[in-house]
């Protein structure tokens, strides 16, 4: 019996196991490369889709080593669109700080994890932001349009208290 055919399969299985382990152990940084969707309006309630597009929006598990900023919004809502602009700017300023960004479309959640966060934290009004500490506990939340400087102050406090 020849073992030549099983050797590549064994190597592939080992590589796959290493890759899975690396992905599980790597710190998650959800909603990478946040940007505004093309064609959204800041002046009219028109539905052009959810205002933020990003990579890895399905990764909604709160971070265990740093604060998590969660944005809840919906497509076709003027207030969500305007707040999305602030959230994208906030992401640009804090993307290397260790804050995990999670973006959730309350009308079209990306999966069961997003639905769970909606059940746990969302109170029915958009836009809604919440900051969780590294233990997953709420340390700040606010409904409505929030000035960028207030958001920065809250994130700075969350980062200062994470040690």
Protein backbone atom coordinates (compact mmCIF):
# COMPACT_ATOMS: atom_id res chain seq x y z
CA UNK A 1 0.00 0.00 0.00
CA UNK A 2 1.39 3.39 -1.03
CA UNK A 3 1.28 6.37 1.34
CA UNK A 4 2.23 8.93 -1.31
CA UNK A 5 -1.39 10.06 -1.74
CA UNK A 6 -1.98 10.59 1.99
CA UNK A 7 1.13 12.72 2.62
CA UNK A 8 -0.19 15.85 0.81
CA UNK A 9 -3.55 15.44 2.54
CA UNK A 10 -1.82 15.26 5.93
CA UNK A 11 0.23 18.38 5.17
CA UNK A 12 -2.91 20.23 4.02
CA UNK A 13 -4.77 19.20 7.15
CA UNK A 14 -1.91 20.44 9.34
CA UNK A 15 -1.77 23.75 7.48
CA UNK A 16 -5.53 24.19 7.79
CA UNK A 17 -5.35 23.50 11.54
CA UNK A 18 -2.58 26.09 11.95
CA UNK A 19 -4.55 28.66 9.97
CA UNK A 20 -7.69 28.09 12.02
CA UNK A 21 -5.73 28.35 15.27
CA UNK A 22 -4.10 31.59 14.11
CA UNK A 23 -7.46 33.08 13.20
CA UNK A 24 -8.98 32.10 16.54
CA UNK A 25 -6.08 33.53 18.53
CA UNK A 26 -5.66 36.74 16.53
CA UNK A 27 -7.32 39.79 18.06
CA UNK A 28 -10.45 40.66 16.13
CA UNK A 29 -10.73 44.08 14.56
CA UNK A 30 -14.18 44.07 13.06
CA UNK A 31 -15.49 46.49 10.50
CA UNK A 32 -12.12 47.26 8.97
CA UNK A 33 -11.71 49.97 6.34
CA UNK A 34 -14.93 51.79 7.21
CA UNK A 35 -16.10 54.20 4.55
CA UNK A 36 -19.31 55.90 3.54
CA UNK A 37 -21.43 54.17 0.94
CA UNK A 38 -21.58 55.86 -2.44
CA UNK A 39 -24.62 58.04 -3.00
CA UNK A 40 -25.91 58.46 0.56
CA UNK A 41 -27.62 61.75 1.32
CA UNK A 42 -27.04 63.96 4.33
CA UNK A 43 -30.02 66.16 3.45
CA UNK A 44 -32.91 63.84 2.45
CA UNK A 45 -34.36 60.61 3.81
CA UNK A 46 -33.75 58.52 0.71
CA UNK A 47 -32.95 54.85 0.87
CA UNK A 48 -29.66 54.18 -0.85
CA UNK A 49 -28.75 51.32 1.45
CA UNK A 50 -26.86 51.19 4.71
CA UNK A 51 -24.57 54.24 4.92
CA UNK A 52 -21.38 52.44 6.02
CA UNK A 53 -19.54 49.82 4.02
CA UNK A 54 -16.58 47.93 5.43
CA UNK A 55 -14.72 44.67 5.48
CA UNK A 56 -15.47 42.09 8.19
CA UNK A 57 -18.77 43.62 9.26
CA UNK A 58 -19.95 40.15 10.25
CA UNK A 59 -17.36 40.03 13.09
CA UNK A 60 -19.44 41.46 15.91
CA UNK A 61 -17.97 39.67 18.93
CA UNK A 62 -16.91 42.33 21.44
CA UNK A 63 -13.16 42.54 22.07
CA UNK A 64 -11.81 41.01 25.27
CA UNK A 65 -8.59 43.03 25.33
CA UNK A 66 -9.83 46.54 24.54
CA UNK A 67 -12.96 48.71 24.30
CA UNK A 68 -15.60 47.97 21.67
CA UNK A 69 -17.50 50.76 19.91
CA UNK A 70 -20.85 49.63 18.45
CA UNK A 71 -22.89 51.68 16.00
CA UNK A 72 -26.54 50.73 15.40
CA UNK A 73 -28.24 52.33 12.40
CA UNK A 74 -30.56 51.69 9.48
CA UNK A 75 -30.73 52.39 5.76
CA UNK A 76 -32.76 55.33 4.51
CA UNK A 77 -32.52 57.34 7.73
CA UNK A 78 -31.14 60.86 7.55
CA UNK A 79 -29.90 60.87 11.17
CA UNK A 80 -28.13 57.54 10.66
CA UNK A 81 -26.47 58.88 7.51
CA UNK A 82 -25.19 62.00 9.24
CA UNK A 83 -23.98 60.02 12.26
CA UNK A 84 -22.33 57.47 9.94
CA UNK A 85 -20.13 60.28 8.65
CA UNK A 86 -18.94 60.91 12.23
CA UNK A 87 -18.45 57.20 12.90
CA UNK A 88 -16.28 56.80 9.80
CA UNK A 89 -14.18 59.79 10.89
CA UNK A 90 -13.94 58.33 14.41
CA UNK A 91 -12.76 55.05 12.91
CA UNK A 92 -10.07 56.87 10.91
CA UNK A 93 -8.79 58.55 14.06
CA UNK A 94 -8.91 55.48 16.33
CA UNK A 95 -8.31 52.50 14.04
CA UNK A 96 -4.79 51.95 15.38
CA UNK A 97 -5.66 52.64 19.03
CA UNK A 98 -6.96 49.17 19.84
CA UNK A 99 -10.68 50.03 19.77
CA UNK A 100 -12.79 47.41 18.04
CA UNK A 101 -15.47 48.88 15.77
CA UNK A 102 -18.73 47.02 15.23
CA UNK A 103 -21.35 48.34 12.80
CA UNK A 104 -24.86 46.90 12.82
CA UNK A 105 -27.73 47.50 10.42
CA UNK A 106 -30.70 46.90 12.72
CA UNK A 107 -33.00 46.07 9.80
CA UNK A 108 -30.57 43.58 8.23
CA UNK A 109 -28.24 42.16 10.90
CA UNK A 110 -25.24 40.27 9.53
CA UNK A 111 -25.88 37.13 11.57
CA UNK A 112 -26.85 35.69 14.93
CA UNK A 113 -24.11 37.61 16.74
CA UNK A 114 -25.48 40.92 15.47
CA UNK A 115 -29.03 39.88 16.42
CA UNK A 116 -27.77 39.04 19.92
CA UNK A 117 -26.16 42.49 20.29
CA UNK A 118 -29.42 44.07 19.12
CA UNK A 119 -31.33 42.11 21.79
CA UNK A 120 -28.79 42.98 24.49
CA UNK A 121 -28.14 46.66 23.82
CA UNK A 122 -30.36 48.27 21.18
CA UNK A 123 -33.32 50.27 22.55
CA UNK A 124 -35.30 50.96 19.38
CA UNK A 125 -34.02 54.37 18.32
CA UNK A 126 -31.43 55.16 15.66
CA UNK A 127 -28.70 56.05 15.43
CA UNK A 128 -27.46 54.48 18.66
CA UNK A 129 -23.89 54.08 19.86
CA UNK A 130 -22.51 52.15 22.79
CA UNK A 131 -19.04 51.57 24.18
CA UNK A 132 -18.26 48.34 25.99
CA UNK A 133 -15.23 47.81 28.20
CA UNK A 134 -12.91 44.84 27.68
CA UNK A 135 -15.20 42.77 29.92
CA UNK A 136 -18.17 43.45 27.64
CA UNK A 137 -19.90 45.80 30.09
CA UNK A 138 -21.57 48.99 28.90
CA UNK A 139 -19.59 52.05 29.96
CA UNK A 140 -21.37 54.61 27.76
CA UNK A 141 -24.30 54.82 25.36
CA UNK A 142 -26.24 57.54 23.56
CA UNK A 143 -29.08 57.77 21.05
CA UNK A 144 -29.19 60.29 18.24
CA UNK A 145 -26.62 62.41 16.49
CA UNK A 146 -23.55 62.90 18.66
CA UNK A 147 -20.78 65.40 18.08
CA UNK A 148 -17.42 63.92 17.10
CA UNK A 149 -15.60 65.57 20.02
CA UNK A 150 -17.99 63.89 22.50
CA UNK A 151 -17.40 60.50 20.88
CA UNK A 152 -13.64 61.08 21.01
CA UNK A 153 -13.84 62.00 24.69
CA UNK A 154 -15.74 58.82 25.50
CA UNK A 155 -13.30 56.64 23.55
CA UNK A 156 -10.33 58.36 25.19
CA UNK A 157 -11.82 57.62 28.64
CA UNK A 158 -12.47 54.01 27.67
CA UNK A 159 -8.90 53.59 26.42
CA UNK A 160 -7.43 55.23 29.52
CA UNK A 161 -9.35 52.90 31.84
CA UNK A 162 -8.59 49.65 30.00
CA UNK A 163 -5.41 48.88 31.93
